[in-house]
Amino acid sequence: MRLKKALAQDFALEASMGPVQHQVIQSLQEAIAAARPLALLPGRMGERPQDVFPHRLVFVDGELELIAEDCRGQYLKQFLVCDIREAKDVTRPYRPAYFPHDIERFFER
């Protein structure tokens, strides 16, 4: 049953996204797989880019969200993927403070 629900969410997501969102999601997935930090450029005017270490993409209440670690404050944060305009590589290395078991505990709250 979970697989059917996940596939339905993926199909609905694909249908609702434009090319910019496809590129953002692809960049996020690649960074998660390679364990490298990114600079997230928000879609809203006036907001500053944020350097993050992406940990996981998840659906929360029907919305795709990124769970990432803020590189400056070293705390976990959720980002709505639809609010991210662009995800760029960060050249400086970053050593994450959180591990997979920490991310699991983040969801248990």
PDB file of N, CA and C in Angstrom:
ATOM      1  N   MET A   1       0.816  -1.195   0.000  1.00  0.00           N
ATOM      2  CA  MET A   1       0.000   0.000   0.000  1.00  0.00           C
ATOM      3  C   MET A   1       0.864   1.266   0.000  1.00  0.00           C
ATOM      4  N   ARG A   2       1.970   1.239   0.773  1.00  0.00           N
ATOM      5  CA  ARG A   2       2.850   2.410   0.819  1.00  0.00           C
ATOM      6  C   ARG A   2       3.442   2.708  -0.552  1.00  0.00           C
ATOM      7  N   LEU A   3       3.786   1.634  -1.296  1.00  0.00           N
ATOM      8  CA  LEU A   3       4.367   1.824  -2.618  1.00  0.00           C
ATOM      9  C   LEU A   3       3.363   2.504  -3.547  1.00  0.00           C
ATOM     10  N   LYS A   4       2.107   2.072  -3.505  1.00  0.00           N
ATOM     11  CA  LYS A   4       1.081   2.690  -4.353  1.00  0.00           C
ATOM     12  C   LYS A   4       0.922   4.170  -4.011  1.00  0.00           C
ATOM     13  N   LYS A   5       0.918   4.471  -2.716  1.00  0.00           N
ATOM     14  CA  LYS A   5       0.779   5.868  -2.292  1.00  0.00           C
ATOM     15  C   LYS A   5       1.977   6.696  -2.756  1.00  0.00           C
ATOM     16  N   ALA A   6       3.183   6.147  -2.615  1.00  0.00           N
ATOM     17  CA  ALA A   6       4.391   6.860  -3.037  1.00  0.00           C
ATOM     18  C   ALA A   6       4.385   7.086  -4.545  1.00  0.00           C
ATOM     19  N   LEU A   7       3.981   6.068  -5.299  1.00  0.00           N
ATOM     20  CA  LEU A   7       3.919   6.226  -6.755  1.00  0.00           C
ATOM     21  C   LEU A   7       2.889   7.258  -7.163  1.00  0.00           C
ATOM     22  N   ALA A   8       1.759   7.285  -6.469  1.00  0.00           N
ATOM     23  CA  ALA A   8       0.726   8.286  -6.766  1.00  0.00           C
ATOM     24  C   ALA A   8       1.239   9.691  -6.461  1.00  0.00           C
ATOM     25  N   GLN A   9       1.974   9.837  -5.360  1.00  0.00           N
ATOM     26  CA  GLN A   9       2.543  11.136  -5.022  1.00  0.00           C
ATOM     27  C   GLN A   9       3.570  11.558  -6.060  1.00  0.00           C
ATOM     28  N   ASP A  10       4.420  10.622  -6.495  1.00  0.00           N
ATOM     29  CA  ASP A  10       5.418  10.932  -7.512  1.00  0.00           C
ATOM     30  C   ASP A  10       4.756  11.372  -8.811  1.00  0.00           C
ATOM     31  N   PHE A  11       3.700  10.677  -9.219  1.00  0.00           N
ATOM     32  CA  PHE A  11       2.998  11.020 -10.446  1.00  0.00           C
ATOM     33  C   PHE A  11       2.351  12.407 -10.325  1.00  0.00           C
ATOM     34  N   ALA A  12       1.724  12.679  -9.195  1.00  0.00           N
ATOM     35  CA  ALA A  12       1.098  13.990  -8.977  1.00  0.00           C
ATOM     36  C   ALA A  12       2.149  15.086  -8.961  1.00  0.00           C
ATOM     37  N   LEU A  13       3.286  14.808  -8.367  1.00  0.00           N
ATOM     38  CA  LEU A  13       4.374  15.782  -8.323  1.00  0.00           C
ATOM     39  C   LEU A  13       4.887  16.080  -9.719  1.00  0.00           C
ATOM     40  N   GLU A  14       5.142  15.035 -10.490  1.00  0.00           N
ATOM     41  CA  GLU A  14       5.636  15.210 -11.857  1.00  0.00           C
ATOM     42  C   GLU A  14       4.675  16.066 -12.677  1.00  0.00           C
ATOM     43  N   ALA A  15       3.383  15.836 -12.519  1.00  0.00           N
ATOM     44  CA  ALA A  15       2.383  16.557 -13.300  1.00  0.00           C
ATOM     45  C   ALA A  15       2.309  18.023 -12.908  1.00  0.00           C
ATOM     46  N   SER A  16       2.639  18.352 -11.666  1.00  0.00           N
ATOM     47  CA  SER A  16       2.476  19.727 -11.193  1.00  0.00           C
ATOM     48  C   SER A  16       3.741  20.580 -11.310  1.00  0.00           C
ATOM     49  N   MET A  17       4.865  19.986 -11.673  1.00  0.00           N
ATOM     50  CA  MET A  17       6.130  20.713 -11.702  1.00  0.00           C
ATOM     51  C   MET A  17       6.449  21.281 -13.076  1.00  0.00           C
ATOM     52  N   GLY A  18       7.194  22.364 -13.052  1.00  0.00           N
ATOM     53  CA  GLY A  18       7.727  22.921 -14.278  1.00  0.00           C
ATOM     54  C   GLY A  18       9.182  22.526 -14.420  1.00  0.00           C
ATOM     55  N   PRO A  19       9.842  22.976 -15.501  1.00  0.00           N
ATOM     56  CA  PRO A  19      11.247  22.603 -15.734  1.00  0.00           C
ATOM     57  C   PRO A  19      12.199  23.094 -14.649  1.00  0.00           C
ATOM     58  N   VAL A  20      11.895  24.247 -14.035  1.00  0.00           N
ATOM     59  CA  VAL A  20      12.771  24.764 -12.973  1.00  0.00           C
ATOM     60  C   VAL A  20      12.751  23.819 -11.780  1.00  0.00           C
ATOM     61  N   GLN A  21      11.555  23.359 -11.396  1.00  0.00           N
ATOM     62  CA  GLN A  21      11.442  22.454 -10.253  1.00  0.00           C
ATOM     63  C   GLN A  21      12.102  21.114 -10.548  1.00  0.00           C
ATOM     64  N   HIS A  22      11.993  20.635 -11.777  1.00  0.00           N
ATOM     65  CA  HIS A  22      12.684  19.394 -12.146  1.00  0.00           C
ATOM     66  C   HIS A  22      14.177  19.546 -11.922  1.00  0.00           C
ATOM     67  N   GLN A  23      14.742  20.671 -12.345  1.00  0.00           N
ATOM     68  CA  GLN A  23      16.174  20.916 -12.194  1.00  0.00           C
ATOM     69  C   GLN A  23      16.560  21.011 -10.722  1.00  0.00           C
ATOM     70  N   VAL A  24      15.744  21.684  -9.922  1.00  0.00           N
ATOM     71  CA  VAL A  24      16.025  21.817  -8.489  1.00  0.00           C
ATOM     72  C   VAL A  24      16.035  20.436  -7.834  1.00  0.00           C
ATOM     73  N   ILE A  25      15.026  19.633  -8.122  1.00  0.00           N
ATOM     74  CA  ILE A  25      14.941  18.300  -7.519  1.00  0.00           C
ATOM     75  C   ILE A  25      16.115  17.439  -7.957  1.00  0.00           C
ATOM     76  N   GLN A  26      16.476  17.508  -9.205  1.00  0.00           N
ATOM     77  CA  GLN A  26      17.626  16.743  -9.699  1.00  0.00           C
ATOM     78  C   GLN A  26      18.906  17.171  -8.974  1.00  0.00           C
ATOM     79  N   SER A  27      19.108  18.475  -8.808  1.00  0.00           N
ATOM     80  CA  SER A  27      20.289  18.976  -8.091  1.00  0.00           C
ATOM     81  C   SER A  27      20.295  18.498  -6.641  1.00  0.00           C
ATOM     82  N   LEU A  28      19.126  18.523  -6.002  1.00  0.00           N
ATOM     83  CA  LEU A  28      19.018  18.073  -4.613  1.00  0.00           C
ATOM     84  C   LEU A  28      19.328  16.586  -4.499  1.00  0.00           C
ATOM     85  N   GLN A  29      18.773  15.780  -5.391  1.00  0.00           N
ATOM     86  CA  GLN A  29      19.017  14.338  -5.356  1.00  0.00           C
ATOM     87  C   GLN A  29      20.499  14.021  -5.576  1.00  0.00           C
ATOM     88  N   GLU A  30      21.127  14.715  -6.510  1.00  0.00           N
ATOM     89  CA  GLU A  30      22.550  14.488  -6.773  1.00  0.00           C
ATOM     90  C   GLU A  30      23.405  14.871  -5.571  1.00  0.00           C
ATOM     91  N   ALA A  31      23.078  15.987  -4.928  1.00  0.00           N
ATOM     92  CA  ALA A  31      23.845  16.433  -3.765  1.00  0.00           C
ATOM     93  C   ALA A  31      23.670  15.473  -2.591  1.00  0.00           C
ATOM     94  N   ILE A  32      22.451  14.968  -2.409  1.00  0.00           N
ATOM     95  CA  ILE A  32      22.215  13.998  -1.334  1.00  0.00           C
ATOM     96  C   ILE A  32      23.032  12.736  -1.591  1.00  0.00           C
ATOM     97  N   ALA A  33      23.005  12.231  -2.820  1.00  0.00           N
ATOM     98  CA  ALA A  33      23.740  11.015  -3.169  1.00  0.00           C
ATOM     99  C   ALA A  33      25.253  11.201  -3.024  1.00  0.00           C
ATOM    100  N   ALA A  34      25.755  12.382  -3.365  1.00  0.00           N
ATOM    101  CA  ALA A  34      27.196  12.651  -3.306  1.00  0.00           C
ATOM    102  C   ALA A  34      27.640  13.200  -1.954  1.00  0.00           C
ATOM    103  N   ALA A  35      26.687  13.457  -1.050  1.00  0.00           N
ATOM    104  CA  ALA A  35      26.983  14.021   0.279  1.00  0.00           C
ATOM    105  C   ALA A  35      27.787  15.309   0.168  1.00  0.00           C
ATOM    106  N   ARG A  36      27.224  16.273  -0.577  1.00  0.00           N
ATOM    107  CA  ARG A  36      27.900  17.569  -0.727  1.00  0.00           C
ATOM    108  C   ARG A  36      26.925  18.717  -0.460  1.00  0.00           C
ATOM    109  N   PRO A  37      27.461  19.827   0.041  1.00  0.00           N
ATOM    110  CA  PRO A  37      26.606  20.977   0.367  1.00  0.00           C
ATOM    111  C   PRO A  37      26.151  21.735  -0.877  1.00  0.00           C
ATOM    112  N   LEU A  38      25.094  22.515  -0.681  1.00  0.00           N
ATOM    113  CA  LEU A  38      24.519  23.339  -1.744  1.00  0.00           C
ATOM    114  C   LEU A  38      24.171  24.721  -1.212  1.00  0.00           C
ATOM    115  N   ALA A  39      24.079  25.670  -2.127  1.00  0.00           N
ATOM    116  CA  ALA A  39      23.520  26.978  -1.816  1.00  0.00           C
ATOM    117  C   ALA A  39      22.115  26.991  -2.395  1.00  0.00           C
ATOM    118  N   LEU A  40      21.115  27.185  -1.541  1.00  0.00           N
ATOM    119  CA  LEU A  40      19.730  27.246  -1.989  1.00  0.00           C
ATOM    120  C   LEU A  40      19.346  28.694  -2.227  1.00  0.00           C
ATOM    121  N   LEU A  41      18.848  28.974  -3.426  1.00  0.00           N
ATOM    122  CA  LEU A  41      18.376  30.312  -3.758  1.00  0.00           C
ATOM    123  C   LEU A  41      16.857  30.298  -3.658  1.00  0.00           C
ATOM    124  N   PRO A  42      16.307  31.098  -2.746  1.00  0.00           N
ATOM    125  CA  PRO A  42      14.860  31.090  -2.545  1.00  0.00           C
ATOM    126  C   PRO A  42      14.107  31.724  -3.708  1.00  0.00           C
ATOM    127  N   GLY A  43      12.864  31.344  -3.846  1.00  0.00           N
ATOM    128  CA  GLY A  43      12.015  31.871  -4.903  1.00  0.00           C
ATOM    129  C   GLY A  43      11.464  33.246  -4.592  1.00  0.00           C
ATOM    130  N   ARG A  44      11.473  33.634  -3.337  1.00  0.00           N
ATOM    131  CA  ARG A  44      10.932  34.941  -2.940  1.00  0.00           C
ATOM    132  C   ARG A  44      11.997  36.023  -3.032  1.00  0.00           C
ATOM    133  N   MET A  45      11.587  37.172  -3.481  1.00  0.00           N
ATOM    134  CA  MET A  45      12.508  38.304  -3.590  1.00  0.00           C
ATOM    135  C   MET A  45      12.923  38.768  -2.194  1.00  0.00           C
ATOM    136  N   GLY A  46      14.159  39.182  -2.058  1.00  0.00           N
ATOM    137  CA  GLY A  46      14.650  39.733  -0.808  1.00  0.00           C
ATOM    138  C   GLY A  46      15.218  38.701   0.156  1.00  0.00           C
ATOM    139  N   GLU A  47      14.988  37.425  -0.100  1.00  0.00           N
ATOM    140  CA  GLU A  47      15.547  36.402   0.774  1.00  0.00           C
ATOM    141  C   GLU A  47      16.949  36.048   0.306  1.00  0.00           C
ATOM    142  N   ARG A  48      17.811  35.766   1.263  1.00  0.00           N
ATOM    143  CA  ARG A  48      19.205  35.457   0.953  1.00  0.00           C
ATOM    144  C   ARG A  48      19.398  33.966   0.668  1.00  0.00           C
ATOM    145  N   PRO A  49      20.412  33.648  -0.139  1.00  0.00           N
ATOM    146  CA  PRO A  49      20.763  32.237  -0.345  1.00  0.00           C
ATOM    147  C   PRO A  49      21.219  31.625   0.978  1.00  0.00           C
ATOM    148  N   GLN A  50      21.000  30.333   1.122  1.00  0.00           N
ATOM    149  CA  GLN A  50      21.412  29.627   2.335  1.00  0.00           C
ATOM    150  C   GLN A  50      22.268  28.430   1.947  1.00  0.00           C
ATOM    151  N   ASP A  51      23.418  28.308   2.603  1.00  0.00           N
ATOM    152  CA  ASP A  51      24.259  27.136   2.402  1.00  0.00           C
ATOM    153  C   ASP A  51      23.746  26.027   3.313  1.00  0.00           C
ATOM    154  N   VAL A  52      23.450  24.884   2.706  1.00  0.00           N
ATOM    155  CA  VAL A  52      22.901  23.762   3.463  1.00  0.00           C
ATOM    156  C   VAL A  52      23.579  22.462   3.051  1.00  0.00           C
ATOM    157  N   PHE A  53      23.487  21.487   3.931  1.00  0.00           N
ATOM    158  CA  PHE A  53      23.895  20.129   3.617  1.00  0.00           C
ATOM    159  C   PHE A  53      22.605  19.320   3.528  1.00  0.00           C
ATOM    160  N   PRO A  54      22.191  18.935   2.314  1.00  0.00           N
ATOM    161  CA  PRO A  54      20.914  18.234   2.172  1.00  0.00           C
ATOM    162  C   PRO A  54      21.001  16.789   2.667  1.00  0.00           C
ATOM    163  N   HIS A  55      19.976  16.387   3.423  1.00  0.00           N
ATOM    164  CA  HIS A  55      19.948  15.026   3.962  1.00  0.00           C
ATOM    165  C   HIS A  55      18.904  14.150   3.290  1.00  0.00           C
ATOM    166  N   ARG A  56      17.698  14.694   3.064  1.00  0.00           N
ATOM    167  CA  ARG A  56      16.629  13.837   2.557  1.00  0.00           C
ATOM    168  C   ARG A  56      15.487  14.657   1.961  1.00  0.00           C
ATOM    169  N   LEU A  57      14.863  14.086   0.919  1.00  0.00           N
ATOM    170  CA  LEU A  57      13.631  14.637   0.355  1.00  0.00           C
ATOM    171  C   LEU A  57      12.478  13.785   0.860  1.00  0.00           C
ATOM    172  N   VAL A  58      11.430  14.435   1.371  1.00  0.00           N
ATOM    173  CA  VAL A  58      10.282  13.713   1.923  1.00  0.00           C
ATOM    174  C   VAL A  58       8.989  14.439   1.569  1.00  0.00           C
ATOM    175  N   PHE A  59       7.905  13.684   1.570  1.00  0.00           N
ATOM    176  CA  PHE A  59       6.587  14.284   1.439  1.00  0.00           C
ATOM    177  C   PHE A  59       6.035  14.531   2.831  1.00  0.00           C
ATOM    178  N   VAL A  60       5.604  15.757   3.091  1.00  0.00           N
ATOM    179  CA  VAL A  60       4.958  16.118   4.348  1.00  0.00           C
ATOM    180  C   VAL A  60       3.661  16.822   3.984  1.00  0.00           C
ATOM    181  N   ASP A  61       2.555  16.237   4.403  1.00  0.00           N
ATOM    182  CA  ASP A  61       1.226  16.793   4.099  1.00  0.00           C
ATOM    183  C   ASP A  61       1.050  17.066   2.607  1.00  0.00           C
ATOM    184  N   GLY A  62       1.526  16.145   1.780  1.00  0.00           N
ATOM    185  CA  GLY A  62       1.353  16.256   0.338  1.00  0.00           C
ATOM    186  C   GLY A  62       2.314  17.192  -0.367  1.00  0.00           C
ATOM    187  N   GLU A  63       3.249  17.785   0.362  1.00  0.00           N
ATOM    188  CA  GLU A  63       4.240  18.701  -0.216  1.00  0.00           C
ATOM    189  C   GLU A  63       5.627  18.062  -0.139  1.00  0.00           C
ATOM    190  N   LEU A  64       6.407  18.231  -1.197  1.00  0.00           N
ATOM    191  CA  LEU A  64       7.776  17.730  -1.191  1.00  0.00           C
ATOM    192  C   LEU A  64       8.656  18.710  -0.426  1.00  0.00           C
ATOM    193  N   GLU A  65       9.373  18.193   0.577  1.00  0.00           N
ATOM    194  CA  GLU A  65      10.235  19.030   1.404  1.00  0.00           C
ATOM    195  C   GLU A  65      11.645  18.463   1.447  1.00  0.00           C
ATOM    196  N   LEU A  66      12.583  19.362   1.633  1.00  0.00           N
ATOM    197  CA  LEU A  66      13.978  19.005   1.817  1.00  0.00           C
ATOM    198  C   LEU A  66      14.302  19.130   3.301  1.00  0.00           C
ATOM    199  N   ILE A  67      14.900  18.094   3.857  1.00  0.00           N
ATOM    200  CA  ILE A  67      15.431  18.157   5.218  1.00  0.00           C
ATOM    201  C   ILE A  67      16.927  18.374   5.048  1.00  0.00           C
ATOM    202  N   ALA A  68      17.404  19.499   5.568  1.00  0.00           N
ATOM    203  CA  ALA A  68      18.806  19.869   5.366  1.00  0.00           C
ATOM    204  C   ALA A  68      19.376  20.482   6.634  1.00  0.00           C
ATOM    205  N   GLU A  69      20.685  20.475   6.686  1.00  0.00           N
ATOM    206  CA  GLU A  69      21.414  21.048   7.811  1.00  0.00           C
ATOM    207  C   GLU A  69      21.947  22.419   7.404  1.00  0.00           C
ATOM    208  N   ASP A  70      21.644  23.414   8.184  1.00  0.00           N
ATOM    209  CA  ASP A  70      22.169  24.747   7.931  1.00  0.00           C
ATOM    210  C   ASP A  70      23.673  24.711   8.187  1.00  0.00           C
ATOM    211  N   CYS A  71      24.468  25.129   7.210  1.00  0.00           N
ATOM    212  CA  CYS A  71      25.921  25.036   7.329  1.00  0.00           C
ATOM    213  C   CYS A  71      26.512  26.034   8.320  1.00  0.00           C
ATOM    214  N   ARG A  72      25.817  27.091   8.605  1.00  0.00           N
ATOM    215  CA  ARG A  72      26.348  28.073   9.567  1.00  0.00           C
ATOM    216  C   ARG A  72      25.949  27.724  10.996  1.00  0.00           C
ATOM    217  N   GLY A  73      24.676  27.437  11.204  1.00  0.00           N
ATOM    218  CA  GLY A  73      24.188  27.185  12.553  1.00  0.00           C
ATOM    219  C   GLY A  73      24.187  25.727  12.951  1.00  0.00           C
ATOM    220  N   GLN A  74      24.412  24.829  12.010  1.00  0.00           N
ATOM    221  CA  GLN A  74      24.419  23.381  12.224  1.00  0.00           C
ATOM    222  C   GLN A  74      23.149  22.900  12.929  1.00  0.00           C
ATOM    223  N   TYR A  75      22.000  23.309  12.403  1.00  0.00           N
ATOM    224  CA  TYR A  75      20.715  22.809  12.885  1.00  0.00           C
ATOM    225  C   TYR A  75      19.930  22.307  11.684  1.00  0.00           C
ATOM    226  N   LEU A  76      18.983  21.397  11.948  1.00  0.00           N
ATOM    227  CA  LEU A  76      18.165  20.850  10.872  1.00  0.00           C
ATOM    228  C   LEU A  76      17.026  21.798  10.548  1.00  0.00           C
ATOM    229  N   LYS A  77      16.696  21.854   9.275  1.00  0.00           N
ATOM    230  CA  LYS A  77      15.660  22.767   8.810  1.00  0.00           C
ATOM    231  C   LYS A  77      14.900  22.107   7.668  1.00  0.00           C
ATOM    232  N   GLN A  78      13.627  22.445   7.538  1.00  0.00           N
ATOM    233  CA  GLN A  78      12.796  21.955   6.450  1.00  0.00           C
ATOM    234  C   GLN A  78      12.595  23.078   5.440  1.00  0.00           C
ATOM    235  N   PHE A  79      12.666  22.726   4.154  1.00  0.00           N
ATOM    236  CA  PHE A  79      12.427  23.672   3.067  1.00  0.00           C
ATOM    237  C   PHE A  79      11.371  23.085   2.137  1.00  0.00           C
ATOM    238  N   LEU A  80      10.369  23.864   1.787  1.00  0.00           N
ATOM    239  CA  LEU A  80       9.453  23.437   0.745  1.00  0.00           C
ATOM    240  C   LEU A  80      10.205  23.514  -0.577  1.00  0.00           C
ATOM    241  N   VAL A  81      10.233  22.434  -1.319  1.00  0.00           N
ATOM    242  CA  VAL A  81      10.975  22.405  -2.576  1.00  0.00           C
ATOM    243  C   VAL A  81      10.397  23.417  -3.564  1.00  0.00           C
ATOM    244  N   CYS A  82       9.092  23.621  -3.531  1.00  0.00           N
ATOM    245  CA  CYS A  82       8.469  24.576  -4.456  1.00  0.00           C
ATOM    246  C   CYS A  82       8.915  26.012  -4.187  1.00  0.00           C
ATOM    247  N   ASP A  83       9.502  26.284  -3.006  1.00  0.00           N
ATOM    248  CA  ASP A  83       9.993  27.625  -2.671  1.00  0.00           C
ATOM    249  C   ASP A  83      11.461  27.818  -3.029  1.00  0.00           C
ATOM    250  N   ILE A  84      12.105  26.800  -3.597  1.00  0.00           N
ATOM    251  CA  ILE A  84      13.519  26.886  -3.974  1.00  0.00           C
ATOM    252  C   ILE A  84      13.598  27.175  -5.467  1.00  0.00           C
ATOM    253  N   ARG A  85      14.229  28.285  -5.807  1.00  0.00           N
ATOM    254  CA  ARG A  85      14.370  28.682  -7.213  1.00  0.00           C
ATOM    255  C   ARG A  85      15.539  27.977  -7.891  1.00  0.00           C
ATOM    256  N   GLU A  86      16.617  27.789  -7.121  1.00  0.00           N
ATOM    257  CA  GLU A  86      17.819  27.181  -7.685  1.00  0.00           C
ATOM    258  C   GLU A  86      18.653  26.575  -6.567  1.00  0.00           C
ATOM    259  N   ALA A  87      19.385  25.511  -6.893  1.00  0.00           N
ATOM    260  CA  ALA A  87      20.309  24.868  -5.957  1.00  0.00           C
ATOM    261  C   ALA A  87      21.666  24.789  -6.640  1.00  0.00           C
ATOM    262  N   LYS A  88      22.634  25.512  -6.084  1.00  0.00           N
ATOM    263  CA  LYS A  88      23.973  25.577  -6.684  1.00  0.00           C
ATOM    264  C   LYS A  88      24.990  24.866  -5.808  1.00  0.00           C
ATOM    265  N   ASP A  89      26.016  24.323  -6.450  1.00  0.00           N
ATOM    266  CA  ASP A  89      27.104  23.690  -5.706  1.00  0.00           C
ATOM    267  C   ASP A  89      27.865  24.723  -4.886  1.00  0.00           C
ATOM    268  N   VAL A  90      28.332  24.278  -3.725  1.00  0.00           N
ATOM    269  CA  VAL A  90      29.174  25.089  -2.857  1.00  0.00           C
ATOM    270  C   VAL A  90      30.578  24.512  -2.963  1.00  0.00           C
ATOM    271  N   THR A  91      31.571  25.354  -3.196  1.00  0.00           N
ATOM    272  CA  THR A  91      32.927  24.856  -3.427  1.00  0.00           C
ATOM    273  C   THR A  91      33.652  24.445  -2.152  1.00  0.00           C
ATOM    274  N   ARG A  92      33.334  25.061  -1.031  1.00  0.00           N
ATOM    275  CA  ARG A  92      34.054  24.709   0.194  1.00  0.00           C
ATOM    276  C   ARG A  92      33.457  23.438   0.805  1.00  0.00           C
ATOM    277  N   PRO A  93      34.316  22.605   1.399  1.00  0.00           N
ATOM    278  CA  PRO A  93      33.829  21.351   1.996  1.00  0.00           C
ATOM    279  C   PRO A  93      33.042  21.624   3.273  1.00  0.00           C
ATOM    280  N   TYR A  94      32.208  20.679   3.639  1.00  0.00           N
ATOM    281  CA  TYR A  94      31.436  20.800   4.870  1.00  0.00           C
ATOM    282  C   TYR A  94      31.312  19.417   5.492  1.00  0.00           C
ATOM    283  N   ARG A  95      31.530  19.353   6.778  1.00  0.00           N
ATOM    284  CA  ARG A  95      31.383  18.095   7.515  1.00  0.00           C
ATOM    285  C   ARG A  95      30.077  18.166   8.308  1.00  0.00           C
ATOM    286  N   PRO A  96      29.098  17.339   7.945  1.00  0.00           N
ATOM    287  CA  PRO A  96      27.798  17.417   8.607  1.00  0.00           C
ATOM    288  C   PRO A  96      27.857  17.024  10.085  1.00  0.00           C
ATOM    289  N   ALA A  97      27.012  17.668  10.867  1.00  0.00           N
ATOM    290  CA  ALA A  97      26.913  17.369  12.293  1.00  0.00           C
ATOM    291  C   ALA A  97      25.859  16.302  12.565  1.00  0.00           C
ATOM    292  N   TYR A  98      24.992  16.031  11.589  1.00  0.00           N
ATOM    293  CA  TYR A  98      23.903  15.067  11.766  1.00  0.00           C
ATOM    294  C   TYR A  98      24.131  13.834  10.906  1.00  0.00           C
ATOM    295  N   PHE A  99      23.657  12.701  11.409  1.00  0.00           N
ATOM    296  CA  PHE A  99      23.792  11.412  10.741  1.00  0.00           C
ATOM    297  C   PHE A  99      22.406  10.840  10.465  1.00  0.00           C
ATOM    298  N   PRO A 100      22.332   9.774   9.663  1.00  0.00           N
ATOM    299  CA  PRO A 100      21.010   9.227   9.317  1.00  0.00           C
ATOM    300  C   PRO A 100      20.103   8.947  10.517  1.00  0.00           C
ATOM    301  N   HIS A 101      20.642   8.436  11.621  1.00  0.00           N
ATOM    302  CA  HIS A 101      19.785   8.167  12.783  1.00  0.00           C
ATOM    303  C   HIS A 101      19.251   9.464  13.387  1.00  0.00           C
ATOM    304  N   ASP A 102      20.010  10.564  13.274  1.00  0.00           N
ATOM    305  CA  ASP A 102      19.517  11.861  13.747  1.00  0.00           C
ATOM    306  C   ASP A 102      18.349  12.341  12.885  1.00  0.00           C
ATOM    307  N   ILE A 103      18.432  12.082  11.590  1.00  0.00           N
ATOM    308  CA  ILE A 103      17.369  12.493  10.677  1.00  0.00           C
ATOM    309  C   ILE A 103      16.103  11.700  10.991  1.00  0.00           C
ATOM    310  N   GLU A 104      16.243  10.411  11.289  1.00  0.00           N
ATOM    311  CA  GLU A 104      15.079   9.599  11.661  1.00  0.00           C
ATOM    312  C   GLU A 104      14.417  10.158  12.914  1.00  0.00           C
ATOM    313  N   ARG A 105      15.205  10.553  13.891  1.00  0.00           N
ATOM    314  CA  ARG A 105      14.652  11.134  15.122  1.00  0.00           C
ATOM    315  C   ARG A 105      13.950  12.462  14.855  1.00  0.00           C
ATOM    316  N   PHE A 106      14.429  13.206  13.870  1.00  0.00           N
ATOM    317  CA  PHE A 106      13.807  14.470  13.483  1.00  0.00           C
ATOM    318  C   PHE A 106      12.347  14.233  13.069  1.00  0.00           C
ATOM    319  N   PHE A 107      12.094  13.115  12.392  1.00  0.00           N
ATOM    320  CA  PHE A 107      10.726  12.795  11.946  1.00  0.00           C
ATOM    321  C   PHE A 107       9.844  12.272  13.076  1.00  0.00           C
ATOM    322  N   GLU A 108      10.437  11.780  14.118  1.00  0.00           N
ATOM    323  CA  GLU A 108       9.667  11.241  15.232  1.00  0.00           C
ATOM    324  C   GLU A 108       9.039  12.318  16.100  1.00  0.00           C
ATOM    325  N   ARG A 109       9.420  13.544  15.921  1.00  0.00           N
ATOM    326  CA  ARG A 109       8.879  14.643  16.741  1.00  0.00           C
ATOM    327  C   ARG A 109       7.444  14.914  16.429  1.00  0.00           C
TER     328      ARG A 109
END
